[in-house]
């Protein structure tokens, strides 16, 4: 496996991370609401689950989804309901002031992991990208490098987002517009959940 193939994979990965979606939205909002450390922990959860999806794609889970469509539908439905639940809570608490006693810990990591777990399309995306970029004769070592590389790229990206979004100037702007920004986030997350729930 050449470094050129890994670079091509990383470019596709960066494009996917940068695209608007629940992972990016939750990463930004968690940082704005709970601070830099919470944002980084959420990003670690997102990165961990994204790397797991890539590992499962390398192991052929996409084929399982194709052979047993009900398995994909089940995972997709649970994921959609979870996104709608997050959207509802975000909307409900939009007008509330931020709590100063929020505990920062494994909850944020778990939240990040669950957000990426809620989207089984990730494994199909990973499978498509892997097939397009890498040769079919990947060794176990090559697959391990790809998974580790994916994890590192996502950790770097979400850590950068958390550091950037937690600056004082951006945090102040968020607090001024918290209610409307949270409601916008709720609409987007709810819309993504409904789209996931209804699409075939």
N, C-alpha and C. Protein backbone atom coordinates (compact mmCIF):
# COMPACT_ATOMS: atom_id res chain seq x y z
N UNK A 1 0.85 -1.19 0.00
CA UNK A 1 0.00 0.00 0.00
C UNK A 1 0.89 1.25 0.00
N UNK A 2 0.67 2.13 -0.98
CA UNK A 2 1.52 3.31 -1.11
C UNK A 2 0.97 4.48 -0.31
N UNK A 3 1.86 5.45 -0.06
CA UNK A 3 1.47 6.65 0.67
C UNK A 3 0.49 7.48 -0.15
N UNK A 4 0.59 7.38 -1.49
CA UNK A 4 -0.34 8.11 -2.37
C UNK A 4 -1.78 7.67 -2.14
N UNK A 5 -1.98 6.38 -1.96
CA UNK A 5 -3.33 5.85 -1.72
C UNK A 5 -3.87 6.35 -0.37
N UNK A 6 -3.00 6.40 0.62
CA UNK A 6 -3.41 6.87 1.93
C UNK A 6 -3.78 8.36 1.88
N UNK A 7 -3.01 9.13 1.11
CA UNK A 7 -3.32 10.56 0.95
C UNK A 7 -4.67 10.74 0.26
N UNK A 8 -4.93 9.93 -0.76
CA UNK A 8 -6.22 10.00 -1.47
C UNK A 8 -7.36 9.67 -0.51
N UNK A 9 -7.17 8.67 0.33
CA UNK A 9 -8.18 8.30 1.33
C UNK A 9 -8.41 9.45 2.31
N UNK A 10 -7.32 10.09 2.75
CA UNK A 10 -7.44 11.19 3.70
C UNK A 10 -8.17 12.39 3.10
N UNK A 11 -7.95 12.66 1.82
CA UNK A 11 -8.65 13.76 1.16
C UNK A 11 -10.16 13.49 1.13
N UNK A 12 -10.52 12.25 0.81
CA UNK A 12 -11.95 11.87 0.81
C UNK A 12 -12.51 11.97 2.22
N UNK A 13 -11.72 11.58 3.19
CA UNK A 13 -12.14 11.62 4.60
C UNK A 13 -12.35 13.06 5.07
N UNK A 14 -11.43 13.94 4.72
CA UNK A 14 -11.55 15.35 5.10
C UNK A 14 -12.79 16.00 4.48
N UNK A 15 -13.07 15.62 3.23
CA UNK A 15 -14.27 16.15 2.57
C UNK A 15 -15.52 15.68 3.30
N UNK A 16 -15.53 14.43 3.74
CA UNK A 16 -16.68 13.88 4.46
C UNK A 16 -16.85 14.55 5.82
N UNK A 17 -15.75 14.77 6.54
CA UNK A 17 -15.81 15.42 7.85
C UNK A 17 -16.33 16.84 7.72
N UNK A 18 -15.88 17.54 6.68
CA UNK A 18 -16.25 18.95 6.50
C UNK A 18 -17.69 19.14 6.03
N UNK A 19 -18.30 18.09 5.48
CA UNK A 19 -19.66 18.23 4.97
C UNK A 19 -20.64 18.40 6.14
N UNK A 20 -21.67 19.23 5.94
CA UNK A 20 -22.65 19.44 7.03
C UNK A 20 -23.34 18.13 7.41
N UNK A 21 -23.39 17.86 8.68
CA UNK A 21 -24.03 16.63 9.15
C UNK A 21 -24.09 16.63 10.66
N UNK A 22 -24.69 15.60 11.24
CA UNK A 22 -24.85 15.56 12.70
C UNK A 22 -23.53 15.56 13.46
N UNK A 23 -22.51 14.89 12.93
CA UNK A 23 -21.23 14.83 13.64
C UNK A 23 -20.62 16.22 13.79
N UNK A 24 -20.54 16.95 12.69
CA UNK A 24 -19.97 18.29 12.73
C UNK A 24 -20.80 19.22 13.61
N UNK A 25 -22.11 19.13 13.47
CA UNK A 25 -23.00 20.00 14.22
C UNK A 25 -22.89 19.75 15.73
N UNK A 26 -22.89 18.49 16.14
CA UNK A 26 -22.80 18.15 17.56
C UNK A 26 -21.42 18.54 18.12
N UNK A 27 -20.38 18.35 17.31
CA UNK A 27 -19.04 18.73 17.73
C UNK A 27 -18.96 20.22 18.04
N UNK A 28 -19.48 21.04 17.13
CA UNK A 28 -19.45 22.49 17.31
C UNK A 28 -20.32 22.91 18.49
N UNK A 29 -21.55 22.40 18.53
CA UNK A 29 -22.47 22.82 19.58
C UNK A 29 -21.97 22.41 20.97
N UNK A 30 -21.42 21.21 21.10
CA UNK A 30 -20.91 20.77 22.41
C UNK A 30 -19.79 21.68 22.88
N UNK A 31 -18.92 22.06 21.96
CA UNK A 31 -17.83 22.97 22.32
C UNK A 31 -18.36 24.32 22.77
N UNK A 32 -19.33 24.85 22.03
CA UNK A 32 -19.89 26.16 22.38
C UNK A 32 -20.63 26.14 23.71
N UNK A 33 -21.34 25.05 23.97
CA UNK A 33 -22.15 24.96 25.19
C UNK A 33 -21.32 24.57 26.40
N UNK A 34 -20.45 23.58 26.25
CA UNK A 34 -19.75 23.00 27.41
C UNK A 34 -18.24 23.26 27.45
N UNK A 35 -17.71 23.85 26.40
CA UNK A 35 -16.29 24.21 26.44
C UNK A 35 -15.38 23.29 25.65
N UNK A 36 -14.11 23.68 25.63
CA UNK A 36 -13.11 23.02 24.79
C UNK A 36 -12.91 21.54 25.12
N UNK A 37 -12.75 21.22 26.40
CA UNK A 37 -12.49 19.82 26.78
C UNK A 37 -13.67 18.93 26.38
N UNK A 38 -14.88 19.41 26.63
CA UNK A 38 -16.07 18.64 26.25
C UNK A 38 -16.11 18.44 24.74
N UNK A 39 -15.74 19.49 24.00
CA UNK A 39 -15.72 19.38 22.54
C UNK A 39 -14.70 18.37 22.06
N UNK A 40 -13.54 18.37 22.69
CA UNK A 40 -12.49 17.41 22.31
C UNK A 40 -12.94 15.99 22.64
N UNK A 41 -13.54 15.79 23.81
CA UNK A 41 -14.02 14.46 24.19
C UNK A 41 -15.11 13.97 23.24
N UNK A 42 -16.00 14.88 22.84
CA UNK A 42 -17.02 14.51 21.85
C UNK A 42 -16.37 14.11 20.54
N UNK A 43 -15.37 14.89 20.14
CA UNK A 43 -14.63 14.57 18.91
C UNK A 43 -13.95 13.22 18.98
N UNK A 44 -13.42 12.88 20.16
CA UNK A 44 -12.78 11.56 20.33
C UNK A 44 -13.82 10.45 20.14
N UNK A 45 -15.02 10.66 20.69
CA UNK A 45 -16.09 9.68 20.50
C UNK A 45 -16.49 9.54 19.05
N UNK A 46 -16.63 10.68 18.38
CA UNK A 46 -16.96 10.67 16.94
C UNK A 46 -15.88 9.94 16.15
N UNK A 47 -14.62 10.25 16.46
CA UNK A 47 -13.50 9.65 15.73
C UNK A 47 -13.44 8.14 15.97
N UNK A 48 -13.63 7.75 17.22
CA UNK A 48 -13.57 6.33 17.58
C UNK A 48 -14.61 5.52 16.79
N UNK A 49 -15.85 6.03 16.78
CA UNK A 49 -16.91 5.29 16.09
C UNK A 49 -16.73 5.31 14.58
N UNK A 50 -16.23 6.42 14.04
CA UNK A 50 -15.98 6.49 12.60
C UNK A 50 -14.91 5.46 12.20
N UNK A 51 -13.88 5.32 13.03
CA UNK A 51 -12.84 4.34 12.74
C UNK A 51 -13.39 2.92 12.86
N UNK A 52 -14.31 2.72 13.79
CA UNK A 52 -14.96 1.40 13.92
C UNK A 52 -15.75 1.07 12.66
N UNK A 53 -16.49 2.08 12.12
CA UNK A 53 -17.25 1.85 10.88
C UNK A 53 -16.30 1.46 9.74
N UNK A 54 -15.14 2.12 9.67
CA UNK A 54 -14.16 1.78 8.63
C UNK A 54 -13.64 0.37 8.83
N UNK A 55 -13.39 0.00 10.08
CA UNK A 55 -12.94 -1.36 10.37
C UNK A 55 -14.00 -2.37 9.93
N UNK A 56 -15.27 -2.07 10.23
CA UNK A 56 -16.35 -2.99 9.86
C UNK A 56 -16.50 -3.06 8.34
N UNK A 57 -16.28 -1.93 7.67
CA UNK A 57 -16.33 -1.94 6.20
C UNK A 57 -15.22 -2.83 5.64
N UNK A 58 -14.04 -2.73 6.23
CA UNK A 58 -12.91 -3.57 5.80
C UNK A 58 -13.18 -5.04 6.07
N UNK A 59 -13.98 -5.31 7.09
CA UNK A 59 -14.32 -6.71 7.42
C UNK A 59 -15.54 -7.21 6.64
N UNK A 60 -16.17 -6.30 5.88
CA UNK A 60 -17.27 -6.72 4.99
C UNK A 60 -18.67 -6.55 5.55
N UNK A 61 -18.86 -5.65 6.53
CA UNK A 61 -20.20 -5.46 7.08
C UNK A 61 -21.17 -4.94 6.02
N UNK A 62 -20.64 -4.17 5.05
CA UNK A 62 -21.51 -3.67 3.98
C UNK A 62 -22.17 -4.81 3.22
N UNK A 63 -21.44 -5.92 3.08
CA UNK A 63 -22.01 -7.10 2.41
C UNK A 63 -23.14 -7.70 3.25
N UNK A 64 -22.95 -7.67 4.58
CA UNK A 64 -24.01 -8.18 5.47
C UNK A 64 -25.26 -7.34 5.31
N UNK A 65 -25.10 -6.02 5.25
CA UNK A 65 -26.24 -5.11 5.06
C UNK A 65 -26.96 -5.39 3.74
N UNK A 66 -26.19 -5.75 2.70
CA UNK A 66 -26.79 -6.03 1.40
C UNK A 66 -27.52 -7.38 1.40
N UNK A 67 -26.96 -8.34 2.10
CA UNK A 67 -27.59 -9.67 2.16
C UNK A 67 -28.81 -9.65 3.09
N UNK A 68 -28.69 -8.91 4.19
CA UNK A 68 -29.79 -8.81 5.16
C UNK A 68 -30.24 -7.35 5.28
N UNK A 69 -31.06 -6.87 4.34
CA UNK A 69 -31.49 -5.46 4.37
C UNK A 69 -32.17 -5.07 5.68
N UNK A 70 -32.83 -6.02 6.34
CA UNK A 70 -33.51 -5.70 7.60
C UNK A 70 -32.52 -5.25 8.67
N UNK A 71 -31.28 -5.76 8.62
CA UNK A 71 -30.26 -5.36 9.61
C UNK A 71 -29.91 -3.89 9.42
N UNK A 72 -29.76 -3.48 8.15
CA UNK A 72 -29.46 -2.08 7.86
C UNK A 72 -30.63 -1.19 8.28
N UNK A 73 -31.86 -1.61 7.95
CA UNK A 73 -33.05 -0.84 8.29
C UNK A 73 -33.18 -0.69 9.81
N UNK A 74 -32.88 -1.75 10.54
CA UNK A 74 -32.97 -1.71 12.01
C UNK A 74 -31.99 -0.70 12.59
N UNK A 75 -30.73 -0.79 12.16
CA UNK A 75 -29.70 0.13 12.67
C UNK A 75 -30.04 1.57 12.27
N UNK A 76 -30.49 1.74 11.03
CA UNK A 76 -30.84 3.07 10.52
C UNK A 76 -32.00 3.68 11.30
N UNK A 77 -33.00 2.87 11.60
CA UNK A 77 -34.18 3.36 12.33
C UNK A 77 -33.82 3.78 13.75
N UNK A 78 -33.04 2.96 14.43
CA UNK A 78 -32.60 3.30 15.80
C UNK A 78 -31.79 4.59 15.77
N UNK A 79 -30.91 4.71 14.79
CA UNK A 79 -30.09 5.91 14.66
C UNK A 79 -30.92 7.14 14.41
N UNK A 80 -31.92 7.03 13.54
CA UNK A 80 -32.79 8.16 13.22
C UNK A 80 -33.55 8.62 14.46
N UNK A 81 -34.07 7.67 15.22
CA UNK A 81 -34.82 8.00 16.44
C UNK A 81 -33.91 8.71 17.44
N UNK A 82 -32.65 8.27 17.52
CA UNK A 82 -31.70 8.91 18.44
C UNK A 82 -31.44 10.36 18.02
N UNK A 83 -31.27 10.60 16.73
CA UNK A 83 -31.04 11.97 16.24
C UNK A 83 -32.24 12.87 16.54
N UNK A 84 -33.44 12.33 16.35
CA UNK A 84 -34.66 13.09 16.63
C UNK A 84 -34.76 13.40 18.12
N UNK A 85 -34.36 12.45 18.95
CA UNK A 85 -34.35 12.65 20.41
C UNK A 85 -33.38 13.78 20.79
N UNK A 86 -32.19 13.78 20.19
CA UNK A 86 -31.21 14.84 20.44
C UNK A 86 -31.78 16.19 19.99
N UNK A 87 -32.43 16.19 18.83
CA UNK A 87 -33.02 17.42 18.30
C UNK A 87 -34.09 17.96 19.25
N UNK A 88 -34.93 17.08 19.77
CA UNK A 88 -36.01 17.49 20.68
C UNK A 88 -35.43 18.12 21.95
N UNK A 89 -34.43 17.48 22.53
CA UNK A 89 -33.81 18.01 23.75
C UNK A 89 -33.13 19.36 23.50
N UNK A 90 -32.50 19.48 22.33
CA UNK A 90 -31.85 20.74 21.98
C UNK A 90 -32.87 21.86 21.86
N UNK A 91 -34.00 21.57 21.19
CA UNK A 91 -35.06 22.58 21.03
C UNK A 91 -35.65 22.96 22.39
N UNK A 92 -35.92 21.94 23.20
CA UNK A 92 -36.57 22.14 24.50
C UNK A 92 -35.73 23.02 25.42
N UNK A 93 -34.40 22.88 25.33
CA UNK A 93 -33.50 23.63 26.22
C UNK A 93 -32.89 24.87 25.57
N UNK A 94 -33.37 25.21 24.38
CA UNK A 94 -32.76 26.32 23.63
C UNK A 94 -32.80 27.64 24.38
N UNK A 95 -33.90 27.91 25.06
CA UNK A 95 -34.05 29.21 25.74
C UNK A 95 -33.51 29.21 27.16
N UNK A 96 -33.02 28.06 27.63
CA UNK A 96 -32.48 27.99 28.99
C UNK A 96 -31.05 28.50 29.01
N UNK A 97 -30.66 29.11 30.12
CA UNK A 97 -29.27 29.55 30.25
C UNK A 97 -28.37 28.34 30.48
N UNK A 98 -27.09 28.52 30.17
CA UNK A 98 -26.16 27.41 30.32
C UNK A 98 -25.92 27.11 31.78
N UNK A 99 -25.84 25.82 32.08
CA UNK A 99 -25.58 25.41 33.46
C UNK A 99 -24.08 25.42 33.72
N UNK A 100 -23.68 25.91 34.85
CA UNK A 100 -22.25 25.98 35.18
C UNK A 100 -21.75 24.73 35.88
N UNK A 101 -22.67 23.82 36.22
CA UNK A 101 -22.26 22.64 36.97
C UNK A 101 -22.27 21.37 36.13
N UNK A 102 -22.15 21.54 34.79
CA UNK A 102 -22.12 20.37 33.90
C UNK A 102 -20.81 19.61 34.12
N UNK A 103 -20.91 18.33 34.37
CA UNK A 103 -19.72 17.51 34.56
C UNK A 103 -19.17 17.09 33.21
N UNK A 104 -17.88 17.34 33.03
CA UNK A 104 -17.22 16.95 31.79
C UNK A 104 -16.54 15.61 32.01
N UNK A 105 -16.90 14.65 31.21
CA UNK A 105 -16.32 13.32 31.37
C UNK A 105 -16.72 12.41 30.23
N UNK A 106 -16.89 11.14 30.58
CA UNK A 106 -17.12 10.14 29.55
C UNK A 106 -18.44 10.33 28.82
N UNK A 107 -19.38 11.09 29.42
CA UNK A 107 -20.66 11.33 28.77
C UNK A 107 -20.47 11.95 27.38
N UNK A 108 -19.56 12.91 27.27
CA UNK A 108 -19.34 13.59 25.99
C UNK A 108 -18.73 12.62 24.96
N UNK A 109 -17.81 11.78 25.42
CA UNK A 109 -17.23 10.77 24.54
C UNK A 109 -18.32 9.82 24.02
N UNK A 110 -19.17 9.37 24.94
CA UNK A 110 -20.26 8.45 24.58
C UNK A 110 -21.24 9.13 23.62
N UNK A 111 -21.56 10.40 23.89
CA UNK A 111 -22.46 11.14 23.00
C UNK A 111 -21.90 11.19 21.58
N UNK A 112 -20.60 11.47 21.47
CA UNK A 112 -19.97 11.51 20.16
C UNK A 112 -20.02 10.17 19.46
N UNK A 113 -19.71 9.12 20.20
CA UNK A 113 -19.75 7.77 19.62
C UNK A 113 -21.15 7.40 19.16
N UNK A 114 -22.17 7.76 19.97
CA UNK A 114 -23.55 7.42 19.63
C UNK A 114 -24.03 8.18 18.39
N UNK A 115 -23.57 9.42 18.23
CA UNK A 115 -23.95 10.19 17.05
C UNK A 115 -23.46 9.48 15.78
N UNK A 116 -22.21 9.04 15.78
CA UNK A 116 -21.70 8.34 14.59
C UNK A 116 -22.23 6.92 14.49
N UNK A 117 -22.56 6.32 15.61
CA UNK A 117 -23.19 5.00 15.59
C UNK A 117 -24.58 5.09 14.97
N UNK A 118 -25.21 6.26 15.11
CA UNK A 118 -26.59 6.43 14.62
C UNK A 118 -26.70 6.50 13.10
N UNK A 119 -25.56 6.50 12.41
CA UNK A 119 -25.59 6.63 10.96
C UNK A 119 -24.91 5.43 10.29
N UNK A 120 -25.65 4.36 10.01
CA UNK A 120 -25.04 3.17 9.39
C UNK A 120 -24.59 3.42 7.96
N UNK A 121 -25.02 4.56 7.38
CA UNK A 121 -24.54 4.88 6.03
C UNK A 121 -23.03 5.09 6.03
N UNK A 122 -22.48 5.35 7.22
CA UNK A 122 -21.03 5.55 7.32
C UNK A 122 -20.27 4.32 6.84
N UNK A 123 -20.78 3.14 7.16
CA UNK A 123 -20.07 1.93 6.75
C UNK A 123 -20.17 1.73 5.24
N UNK A 124 -21.30 2.14 4.65
CA UNK A 124 -21.45 2.04 3.20
C UNK A 124 -20.55 3.04 2.50
N UNK A 125 -20.47 4.25 3.08
CA UNK A 125 -19.56 5.27 2.53
C UNK A 125 -18.12 4.78 2.61
N UNK A 126 -17.74 4.28 3.79
CA UNK A 126 -16.38 3.80 3.99
C UNK A 126 -16.05 2.68 3.01
N UNK A 127 -17.00 1.76 2.83
CA UNK A 127 -16.78 0.64 1.91
C UNK A 127 -16.58 1.15 0.48
N UNK A 128 -17.40 2.11 0.06
CA UNK A 128 -17.30 2.65 -1.30
C UNK A 128 -15.95 3.33 -1.52
N UNK A 129 -15.53 4.14 -0.55
CA UNK A 129 -14.26 4.85 -0.66
C UNK A 129 -13.10 3.87 -0.65
N UNK A 130 -13.17 2.89 0.23
CA UNK A 130 -12.09 1.90 0.32
C UNK A 130 -11.94 1.11 -0.99
N UNK A 131 -13.07 0.73 -1.58
CA UNK A 131 -13.04 -0.04 -2.83
C UNK A 131 -12.46 0.80 -3.97
N UNK A 132 -12.84 2.08 -3.98
CA UNK A 132 -12.36 2.98 -5.04
C UNK A 132 -10.87 3.27 -4.95
N UNK A 133 -10.36 3.35 -3.73
CA UNK A 133 -8.98 3.82 -3.55
C UNK A 133 -7.97 2.68 -3.39
N UNK A 134 -8.32 1.68 -2.60
CA UNK A 134 -7.33 0.66 -2.25
C UNK A 134 -7.52 -0.61 -3.08
N UNK A 135 -6.43 -1.33 -3.32
CA UNK A 135 -6.53 -2.61 -4.04
C UNK A 135 -7.19 -3.66 -3.15
N UNK A 136 -7.78 -4.69 -3.77
CA UNK A 136 -8.47 -5.72 -2.96
C UNK A 136 -7.53 -6.60 -2.15
N UNK A 137 -6.25 -6.56 -2.47
CA UNK A 137 -5.29 -7.46 -1.82
C UNK A 137 -4.63 -6.82 -0.59
N UNK A 138 -5.42 -6.11 0.21
CA UNK A 138 -4.86 -5.49 1.41
C UNK A 138 -4.50 -6.55 2.45
N UNK A 139 -3.34 -6.39 3.06
CA UNK A 139 -2.95 -7.30 4.13
C UNK A 139 -3.61 -6.84 5.44
N UNK A 140 -3.55 -7.68 6.44
CA UNK A 140 -4.09 -7.32 7.75
C UNK A 140 -3.37 -6.09 8.31
N UNK A 141 -2.06 -6.01 8.05
CA UNK A 141 -1.28 -4.85 8.50
C UNK A 141 -1.76 -3.58 7.80
N UNK A 142 -1.99 -3.68 6.47
CA UNK A 142 -2.49 -2.52 5.70
C UNK A 142 -3.83 -2.03 6.28
N UNK A 143 -4.71 -2.96 6.57
CA UNK A 143 -6.02 -2.61 7.12
C UNK A 143 -5.88 -1.92 8.48
N UNK A 144 -4.95 -2.40 9.28
CA UNK A 144 -4.69 -1.77 10.58
C UNK A 144 -4.19 -0.35 10.42
N UNK A 145 -3.33 -0.12 9.43
CA UNK A 145 -2.81 1.23 9.15
C UNK A 145 -3.94 2.15 8.72
N UNK A 146 -4.83 1.66 7.87
CA UNK A 146 -5.96 2.47 7.38
C UNK A 146 -6.87 2.88 8.55
N UNK A 147 -7.17 1.93 9.43
CA UNK A 147 -8.05 2.21 10.58
C UNK A 147 -7.39 3.22 11.52
N UNK A 148 -6.11 3.00 11.84
CA UNK A 148 -5.39 3.91 12.72
C UNK A 148 -5.28 5.30 12.10
N UNK A 149 -5.00 5.34 10.81
CA UNK A 149 -4.92 6.61 10.08
C UNK A 149 -6.25 7.36 10.16
N UNK A 150 -7.35 6.63 9.96
CA UNK A 150 -8.69 7.25 10.02
C UNK A 150 -8.92 7.85 11.40
N UNK A 151 -8.59 7.11 12.44
CA UNK A 151 -8.78 7.59 13.81
C UNK A 151 -7.97 8.87 14.06
N UNK A 152 -6.71 8.88 13.64
CA UNK A 152 -5.83 10.03 13.87
C UNK A 152 -6.33 11.26 13.14
N UNK A 153 -6.74 11.10 11.87
CA UNK A 153 -7.23 12.23 11.08
C UNK A 153 -8.46 12.85 11.73
N UNK A 154 -9.39 12.00 12.16
CA UNK A 154 -10.62 12.52 12.79
C UNK A 154 -10.33 13.20 14.13
N UNK A 155 -9.44 12.63 14.92
CA UNK A 155 -9.09 13.23 16.22
C UNK A 155 -8.48 14.61 15.99
N UNK A 156 -7.58 14.72 15.03
CA UNK A 156 -6.95 16.01 14.73
C UNK A 156 -7.99 17.03 14.29
N UNK A 157 -8.89 16.63 13.39
CA UNK A 157 -9.90 17.55 12.87
C UNK A 157 -10.84 18.05 13.97
N UNK A 158 -11.37 17.13 14.77
CA UNK A 158 -12.33 17.54 15.80
C UNK A 158 -11.66 18.30 16.95
N UNK A 159 -10.39 18.00 17.22
CA UNK A 159 -9.66 18.77 18.22
C UNK A 159 -9.44 20.20 17.72
N UNK A 160 -9.12 20.33 16.45
CA UNK A 160 -8.95 21.66 15.84
C UNK A 160 -10.25 22.46 15.92
N UNK A 161 -11.37 21.79 15.62
CA UNK A 161 -12.68 22.45 15.69
C UNK A 161 -12.96 22.92 17.12
N UNK A 162 -12.69 22.04 18.10
CA UNK A 162 -12.95 22.39 19.50
C UNK A 162 -12.10 23.57 19.95
N UNK A 163 -10.85 23.59 19.56
CA UNK A 163 -9.96 24.69 19.95
C UNK A 163 -10.41 25.99 19.29
N UNK A 164 -10.77 25.90 18.01
CA UNK A 164 -11.19 27.10 17.27
C UNK A 164 -12.50 27.65 17.81
N UNK A 165 -13.48 26.77 18.01
CA UNK A 165 -14.82 27.22 18.42
C UNK A 165 -14.90 27.65 19.89
N UNK A 166 -13.88 27.30 20.67
CA UNK A 166 -13.92 27.65 22.10
C UNK A 166 -13.21 28.96 22.40
N UNK A 167 -12.80 29.67 21.36
CA UNK A 167 -12.17 30.98 21.60
C UNK A 167 -13.19 31.93 22.21
N UNK A 168 -12.71 32.89 22.98
CA UNK A 168 -13.60 33.79 23.72
C UNK A 168 -14.55 34.56 22.79
N UNK A 169 -14.02 35.03 21.68
CA UNK A 169 -14.84 35.84 20.75
C UNK A 169 -16.01 35.03 20.20
N UNK A 170 -15.74 33.79 19.79
CA UNK A 170 -16.79 32.95 19.22
C UNK A 170 -17.79 32.55 20.29
N UNK A 171 -17.30 32.22 21.49
CA UNK A 171 -18.19 31.84 22.59
C UNK A 171 -19.16 32.97 22.96
N UNK A 172 -18.67 34.20 22.97
CA UNK A 172 -19.52 35.35 23.30
C UNK A 172 -20.61 35.53 22.25
N UNK A 173 -20.24 35.37 20.98
CA UNK A 173 -21.22 35.50 19.91
C UNK A 173 -22.29 34.42 20.02
N UNK A 174 -21.86 33.22 20.39
CA UNK A 174 -22.83 32.13 20.55
C UNK A 174 -23.82 32.43 21.67
N UNK A 175 -23.30 32.90 22.81
CA UNK A 175 -24.17 33.18 23.95
C UNK A 175 -25.22 34.24 23.63
N UNK A 176 -24.85 35.19 22.78
CA UNK A 176 -25.80 36.23 22.38
C UNK A 176 -26.95 35.65 21.56
N UNK A 177 -26.64 34.65 20.77
CA UNK A 177 -27.65 34.10 19.85
C UNK A 177 -28.01 32.66 20.19
N UNK A 178 -27.79 32.25 21.45
CA UNK A 178 -27.95 30.85 21.85
C UNK A 178 -29.30 30.26 21.47
N UNK A 179 -30.38 30.94 21.82
CA UNK A 179 -31.71 30.38 21.58
C UNK A 179 -31.93 30.06 20.12
N UNK A 180 -31.61 31.01 19.25
CA UNK A 180 -31.87 30.82 17.82
C UNK A 180 -30.91 29.81 17.20
N UNK A 181 -29.66 29.83 17.63
CA UNK A 181 -28.69 28.86 17.11
C UNK A 181 -29.04 27.44 17.54
N UNK A 182 -29.48 27.28 18.80
CA UNK A 182 -29.88 25.95 19.27
C UNK A 182 -31.11 25.45 18.53
N UNK A 183 -32.05 26.35 18.28
CA UNK A 183 -33.25 25.93 17.54
C UNK A 183 -32.90 25.56 16.10
N UNK A 184 -31.98 26.30 15.52
CA UNK A 184 -31.51 25.95 14.17
C UNK A 184 -30.85 24.57 14.18
N UNK A 185 -29.99 24.33 15.19
CA UNK A 185 -29.34 23.02 15.33
C UNK A 185 -30.38 21.91 15.48
N UNK A 186 -31.42 22.19 16.28
CA UNK A 186 -32.48 21.19 16.50
C UNK A 186 -33.21 20.87 15.20
N UNK A 187 -33.49 21.90 14.41
CA UNK A 187 -34.18 21.69 13.14
C UNK A 187 -33.32 20.84 12.19
N UNK A 188 -32.03 21.17 12.13
CA UNK A 188 -31.13 20.43 11.23
C UNK A 188 -31.00 18.98 11.69
N UNK A 189 -30.77 18.76 12.98
CA UNK A 189 -30.63 17.40 13.50
C UNK A 189 -31.93 16.61 13.32
N UNK A 190 -33.06 17.26 13.62
CA UNK A 190 -34.35 16.59 13.44
C UNK A 190 -34.60 16.26 11.99
N UNK A 191 -34.24 17.19 11.10
CA UNK A 191 -34.41 16.95 9.66
C UNK A 191 -33.55 15.79 9.18
N UNK A 192 -32.31 15.73 9.67
CA UNK A 192 -31.43 14.61 9.30
C UNK A 192 -31.98 13.29 9.83
N UNK A 193 -32.52 13.33 11.05
CA UNK A 193 -33.12 12.12 11.61
C UNK A 193 -34.32 11.65 10.81
N UNK A 194 -35.20 12.59 10.43
CA UNK A 194 -36.38 12.24 9.62
C UNK A 194 -35.98 11.73 8.24
N UNK A 195 -34.94 12.36 7.66
CA UNK A 195 -34.45 11.92 6.36
C UNK A 195 -33.92 10.48 6.44
N UNK A 196 -33.16 10.23 7.49
CA UNK A 196 -32.63 8.88 7.69
C UNK A 196 -33.74 7.87 7.92
N UNK A 197 -34.78 8.32 8.62
CA UNK A 197 -35.91 7.44 8.96
C UNK A 197 -36.75 7.08 7.74
N UNK A 198 -36.91 8.04 6.81
CA UNK A 198 -37.84 7.85 5.70
C UNK A 198 -37.18 7.39 4.40
N UNK A 199 -35.87 7.60 4.26
CA UNK A 199 -35.25 7.23 2.99
C UNK A 199 -35.09 5.73 2.88
N UNK A 200 -35.14 5.24 1.65
CA UNK A 200 -35.01 3.79 1.41
C UNK A 200 -33.55 3.42 1.24
